Amino acid sequence: MRLLKIISKKGLYSRSKIADELRISISMLNGLLDQLIRMKYIVKVNMADKCSGNCKSCSSCSCCSSNSGIEFWKITDKGKNTLEENRNLSI
């Protein structure tokens, strides 16, 4: 659930920064991301398809180059609902 919360907050991260934050290996993180994708909680956003190249028009453009190591993830409605249900359970 922590990974889903991290992605819901911002959506763009390098895998190494997420792994460091969660204190897990990148290979374990890859498995968790794959699981969230299979469960349809997140989707990977391909910025190359969406980017116009006009970096002044997008707050994320400065970090979306293919060399940056930054990946964009979008939490789905199903993922949002799951987070909301878990938040309600912890009250």
PDB file of N, CA and C in Angstrom:
ATOM      1  N   MET A   1       0.814  -1.200   0.000  1.00  0.00           N
ATOM      2  CA  MET A   1       0.000   0.000   0.000  1.00  0.00           C
ATOM      3  C   MET A   1       0.863   1.271   0.000  1.00  0.00           C
ATOM      4  N   ARG A   2       2.049   1.177   0.608  1.00  0.00           N
ATOM      5  CA  ARG A   2       2.912   2.366   0.652  1.00  0.00           C
ATOM      6  C   ARG A   2       3.311   2.835  -0.733  1.00  0.00           C
ATOM      7  N   LEU A   3       3.616   1.883  -1.616  1.00  0.00           N
ATOM      8  CA  LEU A   3       3.995   2.248  -2.978  1.00  0.00           C
ATOM      9  C   LEU A   3       2.848   2.950  -3.681  1.00  0.00           C
ATOM     10  N   LEU A   4       1.652   2.465  -3.508  1.00  0.00           N
ATOM     11  CA  LEU A   4       0.476   3.090  -4.112  1.00  0.00           C
ATOM     12  C   LEU A   4       0.290   4.507  -3.576  1.00  0.00           C
ATOM     13  N   LYS A   5       0.529   4.705  -2.288  1.00  0.00           N
ATOM     14  CA  LYS A   5       0.436   6.047  -1.701  1.00  0.00           C
ATOM     15  C   LYS A   5       1.483   6.983  -2.292  1.00  0.00           C
ATOM     16  N   ILE A   6       2.698   6.474  -2.461  1.00  0.00           N
ATOM     17  CA  ILE A   6       3.773   7.287  -3.036  1.00  0.00           C
ATOM     18  C   ILE A   6       3.392   7.734  -4.443  1.00  0.00           C
ATOM     19  N   ILE A   7       2.917   6.811  -5.249  1.00  0.00           N
ATOM     20  CA  ILE A   7       2.544   7.136  -6.628  1.00  0.00           C
ATOM     21  C   ILE A   7       1.367   8.099  -6.655  1.00  0.00           C
ATOM     22  N   SER A   8       0.436   7.949  -5.731  1.00  0.00           N
ATOM     23  CA  SER A   8      -0.745   8.827  -5.732  1.00  0.00           C
ATOM     24  C   SER A   8      -0.380  10.268  -5.388  1.00  0.00           C
ATOM     25  N   LYS A   9       0.705  10.455  -4.644  1.00  0.00           N
ATOM     26  CA  LYS A   9       1.086  11.808  -4.239  1.00  0.00           C
ATOM     27  C   LYS A   9       1.641  12.627  -5.384  1.00  0.00           C
ATOM     28  N   LYS A  10       2.478  12.015  -6.208  1.00  0.00           N
ATOM     29  CA  LYS A  10       3.134  12.810  -7.240  1.00  0.00           C
ATOM     30  C   LYS A  10       3.073  12.174  -8.616  1.00  0.00           C
ATOM     31  N   GLY A  11       3.283  10.877  -8.702  1.00  0.00           N
ATOM     32  CA  GLY A  11       3.162  10.199  -9.980  1.00  0.00           C
ATOM     33  C   GLY A  11       4.443  10.059 -10.774  1.00  0.00           C
ATOM     34  N   LEU A  12       5.458  10.865 -10.496  1.00  0.00           N
ATOM     35  CA  LEU A  12       6.691  10.725 -11.249  1.00  0.00           C
ATOM     36  C   LEU A  12       7.863  10.563 -10.311  1.00  0.00           C
ATOM     37  N   TYR A  13       8.624   9.547 -10.576  1.00  0.00           N
ATOM     38  CA  TYR A  13       9.740   9.203  -9.712  1.00  0.00           C
ATOM     39  C   TYR A  13      10.752   8.400 -10.504  1.00  0.00           C
ATOM     40  N   SER A  14      11.955   8.335 -10.001  1.00  0.00           N
ATOM     41  CA  SER A  14      12.908   7.367 -10.523  1.00  0.00           C
ATOM     42  C   SER A  14      12.718   6.106  -9.687  1.00  0.00           C
ATOM     43  N   ARG A  15      12.919   4.983 -10.328  1.00  0.00           N
ATOM     44  CA  ARG A  15      12.771   3.724  -9.589  1.00  0.00           C
ATOM     45  C   ARG A  15      13.746   3.669  -8.417  1.00  0.00           C
ATOM     46  N   SER A  16      14.946   4.193  -8.609  1.00  0.00           N
ATOM     47  CA  SER A  16      15.935   4.123  -7.522  1.00  0.00           C
ATOM     48  C   SER A  16      15.496   4.952  -6.316  1.00  0.00           C
ATOM     49  N   LYS A  17      14.860   6.106  -6.553  1.00  0.00           N
ATOM     50  CA  LYS A  17      14.389   6.920  -5.430  1.00  0.00           C
ATOM     51  C   LYS A  17      13.247   6.240  -4.686  1.00  0.00           C
ATOM     52  N   ILE A  18      12.347   5.606  -5.422  1.00  0.00           N
ATOM     53  CA  ILE A  18      11.254   4.877  -4.755  1.00  0.00           C
ATOM     54  C   ILE A  18      11.829   3.724  -3.951  1.00  0.00           C
ATOM     55  N   ALA A  19      12.740   2.956  -4.561  1.00  0.00           N
ATOM     56  CA  ALA A  19      13.338   1.820  -3.854  1.00  0.00           C
ATOM     57  C   ALA A  19      14.047   2.292  -2.590  1.00  0.00           C
ATOM     58  N   ASP A  20      14.767   3.402  -2.680  1.00  0.00           N
ATOM     59  CA  ASP A  20      15.436   3.947  -1.495  1.00  0.00           C
ATOM     60  C   ASP A  20      14.424   4.340  -0.427  1.00  0.00           C
ATOM     61  N   GLU A  21      13.351   4.999  -0.848  1.00  0.00           N
ATOM     62  CA  GLU A  21      12.332   5.436   0.115  1.00  0.00           C
ATOM     63  C   GLU A  21      11.670   4.248   0.806  1.00  0.00           C
ATOM     64  N   LEU A  22      11.438   3.180   0.045  1.00  0.00           N
ATOM     65  CA  LEU A  22      10.809   1.988   0.617  1.00  0.00           C
ATOM     66  C   LEU A  22      11.821   1.038   1.258  1.00  0.00           C
ATOM     67  N   ARG A  23      13.110   1.325   1.040  1.00  0.00           N
ATOM     68  CA  ARG A  23      14.191   0.483   1.555  1.00  0.00           C
ATOM     69  C   ARG A  23      14.099  -0.942   1.030  1.00  0.00           C
ATOM     70  N   ILE A  24      13.907  -1.032  -0.293  1.00  0.00           N
ATOM     71  CA  ILE A  24      13.859  -2.330  -0.971  1.00  0.00           C
ATOM     72  C   ILE A  24      14.754  -2.263  -2.203  1.00  0.00           C
ATOM     73  N   SER A  25      15.038  -3.423  -2.773  1.00  0.00           N
ATOM     74  CA  SER A  25      15.853  -3.469  -3.989  1.00  0.00           C
ATOM     75  C   SER A  25      15.020  -3.031  -5.191  1.00  0.00           C
ATOM     76  N   ILE A  26      15.704  -2.620  -6.238  1.00  0.00           N
ATOM     77  CA  ILE A  26      14.996  -2.224  -7.463  1.00  0.00           C
ATOM     78  C   ILE A  26      14.276  -3.425  -8.063  1.00  0.00           C
ATOM     79  N   SER A  27      14.859  -4.610  -7.970  1.00  0.00           N
ATOM     80  CA  SER A  27      14.174  -5.788  -8.521  1.00  0.00           C
ATOM     81  C   SER A  27      12.885  -6.082  -7.751  1.00  0.00           C
ATOM     82  N   MET A  28      12.898  -5.877  -6.438  1.00  0.00           N
ATOM     83  CA  MET A  28      11.668  -6.062  -5.667  1.00  0.00           C
ATOM     84  C   MET A  28      10.645  -4.987  -6.050  1.00  0.00           C
ATOM     85  N   LEU A  29      11.128  -3.771  -6.224  1.00  0.00           N
ATOM     86  CA  LEU A  29      10.238  -2.687  -6.652  1.00  0.00           C
ATOM     87  C   LEU A  29       9.610  -3.000  -8.000  1.00  0.00           C
ATOM     88  N   ASN A  30      10.412  -3.507  -8.931  1.00  0.00           N
ATOM     89  CA  ASN A  30       9.877  -3.863 -10.241  1.00  0.00           C
ATOM     90  C   ASN A  30       8.738  -4.874 -10.115  1.00  0.00           C
ATOM     91  N   GLY A  31       8.909  -5.836  -9.230  1.00  0.00           N
ATOM     92  CA  GLY A  31       7.853  -6.823  -8.992  1.00  0.00           C
ATOM     93  C   GLY A  31       6.602  -6.180  -8.421  1.00  0.00           C
ATOM     94  N   LEU A  32       6.769  -5.249  -7.490  1.00  0.00           N
ATOM     95  CA  LEU A  32       5.616  -4.560  -6.905  1.00  0.00           C
ATOM     96  C   LEU A  32       4.891  -3.700  -7.946  1.00  0.00           C
ATOM     97  N   LEU A  33       5.661  -2.992  -8.770  1.00  0.00           N
ATOM     98  CA  LEU A  33       5.043  -2.181  -9.830  1.00  0.00           C
ATOM     99  C   LEU A  33       4.281  -3.063 -10.808  1.00  0.00           C
ATOM    100  N   ASP A  34       4.879  -4.190 -11.196  1.00  0.00           N
ATOM    101  CA  ASP A  34       4.197  -5.123 -12.093  1.00  0.00           C
ATOM    102  C   ASP A  34       2.900  -5.623 -11.477  1.00  0.00           C
ATOM    103  N   GLN A  35       2.935  -5.891 -10.171  1.00  0.00           N
ATOM    104  CA  GLN A  35       1.738  -6.377  -9.484  1.00  0.00           C
ATOM    105  C   GLN A  35       0.651  -5.297  -9.474  1.00  0.00           C
ATOM    106  N   LEU A  36       1.020  -4.051  -9.195  1.00  0.00           N
ATOM    107  CA  LEU A  36       0.035  -2.966  -9.197  1.00  0.00           C
ATOM    108  C   LEU A  36      -0.548  -2.753 -10.591  1.00  0.00           C
ATOM    109  N   ILE A  37       0.266  -2.941 -11.614  1.00  0.00           N
ATOM    110  CA  ILE A  37      -0.232  -2.826 -12.993  1.00  0.00           C
ATOM    111  C   ILE A  37      -1.213  -3.958 -13.283  1.00  0.00           C
ATOM    112  N   ARG A  38      -0.841  -5.194 -12.917  1.00  0.00           N
ATOM    113  CA  ARG A  38      -1.741  -6.345 -13.142  1.00  0.00           C
ATOM    114  C   ARG A  38      -3.066  -6.174 -12.403  1.00  0.00           C
ATOM    115  N   MET A  39      -3.003  -5.589 -11.207  1.00  0.00           N
ATOM    116  CA  MET A  39      -4.217  -5.383 -10.412  1.00  0.00           C
ATOM    117  C   MET A  39      -5.018  -4.177 -10.909  1.00  0.00           C
ATOM    118  N   LYS A  40      -4.446  -3.472 -11.899  1.00  0.00           N
ATOM    119  CA  LYS A  40      -5.069  -2.293 -12.491  1.00  0.00           C
ATOM    120  C   LYS A  40      -5.207  -1.132 -11.504  1.00  0.00           C
ATOM    121  N   TYR A  41      -4.217  -1.017 -10.593  1.00  0.00           N
ATOM    122  CA  TYR A  41      -4.175   0.094  -9.647  1.00  0.00           C
ATOM    123  C   TYR A  41      -3.386   1.273 -10.200  1.00  0.00           C
ATOM    124  N   ILE A  42      -2.439   0.990 -11.104  1.00  0.00           N
ATOM    125  CA  ILE A  42      -1.637   2.046 -11.727  1.00  0.00           C
ATOM    126  C   ILE A  42      -1.466   1.743 -13.209  1.00  0.00           C
ATOM    127  N   VAL A  43      -1.144   2.780 -13.958  1.00  0.00           N
ATOM    128  CA  VAL A  43      -0.755   2.630 -15.360  1.00  0.00           C
ATOM    129  C   VAL A  43       0.476   3.497 -15.579  1.00  0.00           C
ATOM    130  N   LYS A  44       1.356   3.030 -16.435  1.00  0.00           N
ATOM    131  CA  LYS A  44       2.528   3.814 -16.783  1.00  0.00           C
ATOM    132  C   LYS A  44       2.130   4.775 -17.894  1.00  0.00           C
ATOM    133  N   VAL A  45       2.525   6.022 -17.754  1.00  0.00           N
ATOM    134  CA  VAL A  45       2.192   7.053 -18.733  1.00  0.00           C
ATOM    135  C   VAL A  45       3.411   7.262 -19.626  1.00  0.00           C
ATOM    136  N   ASN A  46       3.216   7.139 -20.924  1.00  0.00           N
ATOM    137  CA  ASN A  46       4.290   7.365 -21.875  1.00  0.00           C
ATOM    138  C   ASN A  46       4.300   8.839 -22.245  1.00  0.00           C
ATOM    139  N   MET A  47       5.211   9.576 -21.639  1.00  0.00           N
ATOM    140  CA  MET A  47       5.263  11.021 -21.867  1.00  0.00           C
ATOM    141  C   MET A  47       5.700  11.374 -23.282  1.00  0.00           C
ATOM    142  N   ALA A  48       6.420  10.491 -23.941  1.00  0.00           N
ATOM    143  CA  ALA A  48       6.860  10.784 -25.306  1.00  0.00           C
ATOM    144  C   ALA A  48       5.660  11.002 -26.225  1.00  0.00           C
ATOM    145  N   ASP A  49       4.571  10.303 -25.946  1.00  0.00           N
ATOM    146  CA  ASP A  49       3.358  10.464 -26.751  1.00  0.00           C
ATOM    147  C   ASP A  49       2.624  11.758 -26.433  1.00  0.00           C
ATOM    148  N   LYS A  50       2.816  12.295 -25.234  1.00  0.00           N
ATOM    149  CA  LYS A  50       2.055  13.444 -24.786  1.00  0.00           C
ATOM    150  C   LYS A  50       2.840  14.750 -24.825  1.00  0.00           C
ATOM    151  N   CYS A  51       4.169  14.651 -24.863  1.00  0.00           N
ATOM    152  CA  CYS A  51       5.002  15.837 -24.749  1.00  0.00           C
ATOM    153  C   CYS A  51       5.093  16.575 -26.082  1.00  0.00           C
ATOM    154  N   SER A  52       4.836  17.854 -26.029  1.00  0.00           N
ATOM    155  CA  SER A  52       4.915  18.683 -27.230  1.00  0.00           C
ATOM    156  C   SER A  52       6.327  19.206 -27.444  1.00  0.00           C
ATOM    157  N   GLY A  53       7.179  19.042 -26.447  1.00  0.00           N
ATOM    158  CA  GLY A  53       8.530  19.561 -26.545  1.00  0.00           C
ATOM    159  C   GLY A  53       8.650  21.012 -26.099  1.00  0.00           C
ATOM    160  N   ASN A  54       7.549  21.633 -25.776  1.00  0.00           N
ATOM    161  CA  ASN A  54       7.538  23.014 -25.310  1.00  0.00           C
ATOM    162  C   ASN A  54       7.603  22.993 -23.787  1.00  0.00           C
ATOM    163  N   CYS A  55       8.796  22.952 -23.257  1.00  0.00           N
ATOM    164  CA  CYS A  55       8.989  22.750 -21.813  1.00  0.00           C
ATOM    165  C   CYS A  55       8.375  23.839 -20.949  1.00  0.00           C
ATOM    166  N   LYS A  56       8.082  24.971 -21.495  1.00  0.00           N
ATOM    167  CA  LYS A  56       7.447  26.019 -20.697  1.00  0.00           C
ATOM    168  C   LYS A  56       5.976  25.723 -20.434  1.00  0.00           C
ATOM    169  N   SER A  57       5.395  24.814 -21.227  1.00  0.00           N
ATOM    170  CA  SER A  57       3.965  24.544 -21.074  1.00  0.00           C
ATOM    171  C   SER A  57       3.677  23.404 -20.104  1.00  0.00           C
ATOM    172  N   CYS A  58       4.711  22.719 -19.628  1.00  0.00           N
ATOM    173  CA  CYS A  58       4.487  21.535 -18.799  1.00  0.00           C
ATOM    174  C   CYS A  58       5.429  21.564 -17.604  1.00  0.00           C
ATOM    175  N   SER A  59       4.885  21.450 -16.430  1.00  0.00           N
ATOM    176  CA  SER A  59       5.717  21.482 -15.222  1.00  0.00           C
ATOM    177  C   SER A  59       6.625  20.271 -15.120  1.00  0.00           C
ATOM    178  N   SER A  60       6.306  19.207 -15.839  1.00  0.00           N
ATOM    179  CA  SER A  60       7.105  17.986 -15.756  1.00  0.00           C
ATOM    180  C   SER A  60       8.122  17.860 -16.874  1.00  0.00           C
ATOM    181  N   CYS A  61       8.053  18.720 -17.868  1.00  0.00           N
ATOM    182  CA  CYS A  61       8.920  18.568 -19.035  1.00  0.00           C
ATOM    183  C   CYS A  61      10.396  18.571 -18.686  1.00  0.00           C
ATOM    184  N   SER A  62      10.789  19.290 -17.680  1.00  0.00           N
ATOM    185  CA  SER A  62      12.210  19.358 -17.350  1.00  0.00           C
ATOM    186  C   SER A  62      12.770  18.013 -16.919  1.00  0.00           C
ATOM    187  N   CYS A  63      11.894  17.072 -16.559  1.00  0.00           N
ATOM    188  CA  CYS A  63      12.398  15.779 -16.106  1.00  0.00           C
ATOM    189  C   CYS A  63      11.874  14.616 -16.932  1.00  0.00           C
ATOM    190  N   CYS A  64      11.292  14.880 -18.086  1.00  0.00           N
ATOM    191  CA  CYS A  64      10.715  13.766 -18.842  1.00  0.00           C
ATOM    192  C   CYS A  64      11.596  13.293 -19.985  1.00  0.00           C
ATOM    193  N   SER A  65      12.811  13.798 -20.086  1.00  0.00           N
ATOM    194  CA  SER A  65      13.676  13.312 -21.154  1.00  0.00           C
ATOM    195  C   SER A  65      14.025  11.854 -20.897  1.00  0.00           C
ATOM    196  N   SER A  66      14.305  11.138 -21.941  1.00  0.00           N
ATOM    197  CA  SER A  66      14.567   9.701 -21.808  1.00  0.00           C
ATOM    198  C   SER A  66      15.822   9.417 -20.990  1.00  0.00           C
ATOM    199  N   ASN A  67      16.701  10.386 -20.819  1.00  0.00           N
ATOM    200  CA  ASN A  67      17.924  10.170 -20.062  1.00  0.00           C
ATOM    201  C   ASN A  67      17.769  10.448 -18.571  1.00  0.00           C
ATOM    202  N   SER A  68      16.630  10.928 -18.137  1.00  0.00           N
ATOM    203  CA  SER A  68      16.485  11.356 -16.750  1.00  0.00           C
ATOM    204  C   SER A  68      16.250  10.222 -15.774  1.00  0.00           C
ATOM    205  N   GLY A  69      15.761   9.081 -16.233  1.00  0.00           N
ATOM    206  CA  GLY A  69      15.449   7.977 -15.336  1.00  0.00           C
ATOM    207  C   GLY A  69      14.131   8.160 -14.617  1.00  0.00           C
ATOM    208  N   ILE A  70      13.422   9.228 -14.922  1.00  0.00           N
ATOM    209  CA  ILE A  70      12.134   9.499 -14.293  1.00  0.00           C
ATOM    210  C   ILE A  70      11.041   8.782 -15.075  1.00  0.00           C
ATOM    211  N   GLU A  71      10.138   8.160 -14.339  1.00  0.00           N
ATOM    212  CA  GLU A  71       9.000   7.499 -14.962  1.00  0.00           C
ATOM    213  C   GLU A  71       7.716   8.093 -14.399  1.00  0.00           C
ATOM    214  N   PHE A  72       6.717   8.121 -15.218  1.00  0.00           N
ATOM    215  CA  PHE A  72       5.428   8.668 -14.817  1.00  0.00           C
ATOM    216  C   PHE A  72       4.442   7.530 -14.621  1.00  0.00           C
ATOM    217  N   TRP A  73       3.771   7.551 -13.503  1.00  0.00           N
ATOM    218  CA  TRP A  73       2.759   6.548 -13.181  1.00  0.00           C
ATOM    219  C   TRP A  73       1.485   7.274 -12.818  1.00  0.00           C
ATOM    220  N   LYS A  74       0.387   6.734 -13.250  1.00  0.00           N
ATOM    221  CA  LYS A  74      -0.909   7.322 -12.923  1.00  0.00           C
ATOM    222  C   LYS A  74      -1.710   6.297 -12.136  1.00  0.00           C
ATOM    223  N   ILE A  75      -2.235   6.744 -11.028  1.00  0.00           N
ATOM    224  CA  ILE A  75      -3.079   5.860 -10.231  1.00  0.00           C
ATOM    225  C   ILE A  75      -4.466   5.836 -10.881  1.00  0.00           C
ATOM    226  N   THR A  76      -5.021   4.655 -11.002  1.00  0.00           N
ATOM    227  CA  THR A  76      -6.329   4.497 -11.639  1.00  0.00           C
ATOM    228  C   THR A  76      -7.441   4.738 -10.620  1.00  0.00           C
ATOM    229  N   ASP A  77      -8.660   4.803 -11.102  1.00  0.00           N
ATOM    230  CA  ASP A  77      -9.807   4.940 -10.189  1.00  0.00           C
ATOM    231  C   ASP A  77      -9.858   3.758  -9.218  1.00  0.00           C
ATOM    232  N   LYS A  78      -9.551   2.575  -9.717  1.00  0.00           N
ATOM    233  CA  LYS A  78      -9.535   1.395  -8.845  1.00  0.00           C
ATOM    234  C   LYS A  78      -8.485   1.550  -7.753  1.00  0.00           C
ATOM    235  N   GLY A  79      -7.313   2.071  -8.114  1.00  0.00           N
ATOM    236  CA  GLY A  79      -6.268   2.317  -7.128  1.00  0.00           C
ATOM    237  C   GLY A  79      -6.682   3.363  -6.114  1.00  0.00           C
ATOM    238  N   LYS A  80      -7.332   4.445  -6.586  1.00  0.00           N
ATOM    239  CA  LYS A  80      -7.814   5.494  -5.683  1.00  0.00           C
ATOM    240  C   LYS A  80      -8.834   4.935  -4.709  1.00  0.00           C
ATOM    241  N   ASN A  81      -9.743   4.113  -5.219  1.00  0.00           N
ATOM    242  CA  ASN A  81     -10.766   3.517  -4.354  1.00  0.00           C
ATOM    243  C   ASN A  81     -10.134   2.624  -3.295  1.00  0.00           C
ATOM    244  N   THR A  82      -9.125   1.865  -3.683  1.00  0.00           N
ATOM    245  CA  THR A  82      -8.435   0.985  -2.734  1.00  0.00           C
ATOM    246  C   THR A  82      -7.748   1.794  -1.641  1.00  0.00           C
ATOM    247  N   LEU A  83      -7.075   2.887  -2.021  1.00  0.00           N
ATOM    248  CA  LEU A  83      -6.448   3.748  -1.019  1.00  0.00           C
ATOM    249  C   LEU A  83      -7.488   4.334  -0.071  1.00  0.00           C
ATOM    250  N   GLU A  84      -8.588   4.778  -0.623  1.00  0.00           N
ATOM    251  CA  GLU A  84      -9.648   5.370   0.199  1.00  0.00           C
ATOM    252  C   GLU A  84     -10.236   4.341   1.176  1.00  0.00           C
ATOM    253  N   GLU A  85     -10.460   3.115   0.694  1.00  0.00           N
ATOM    254  CA  GLU A  85     -10.982   2.068   1.561  1.00  0.00           C
ATOM    255  C   GLU A  85     -10.007   1.750   2.695  1.00  0.00           C
ATOM    256  N   ASN A  86      -8.721   1.709   2.376  1.00  0.00           N
ATOM    257  CA  ASN A  86      -7.713   1.417   3.407  1.00  0.00           C
ATOM    258  C   ASN A  86      -7.571   2.561   4.391  1.00  0.00           C
ATOM    259  N   ARG A  87      -7.739   3.782   3.914  1.00  0.00           N
ATOM    260  CA  ARG A  87      -7.678   4.926   4.826  1.00  0.00           C
ATOM    261  C   ARG A  87      -8.850   4.862   5.810  1.00  0.00           C
ATOM    262  N   ASN A  88     -10.018   4.475   5.324  1.00  0.00           N
ATOM    263  CA  ASN A  88     -11.194   4.383   6.184  1.00  0.00           C
ATOM    264  C   ASN A  88     -11.045   3.256   7.205  1.00  0.00           C
ATOM    265  N   LEU A  89     -10.345   2.174   6.833  1.00  0.00           N
ATOM    266  CA  LEU A  89     -10.154   1.053   7.760  1.00  0.00           C
ATOM    267  C   LEU A  89      -9.225   1.418   8.905  1.00  0.00           C
ATOM    268  N   SER A  90      -8.291   2.326   8.669  1.00  0.00           N
ATOM    269  CA  SER A  90      -7.325   2.660   9.710  1.00  0.00           C
ATOM    270  C   SER A  90      -7.827   3.707  10.685  1.00  0.00           C
ATOM    271  N   ILE A  91      -9.022   4.199  10.483  1.00  0.00           N
ATOM    272  CA  ILE A  91      -9.592   5.219  11.391  1.00  0.00           C
ATOM    273  C   ILE A  91     -10.178   4.577  12.620  1.00  0.00           C
TER     274      ILE A  91
END
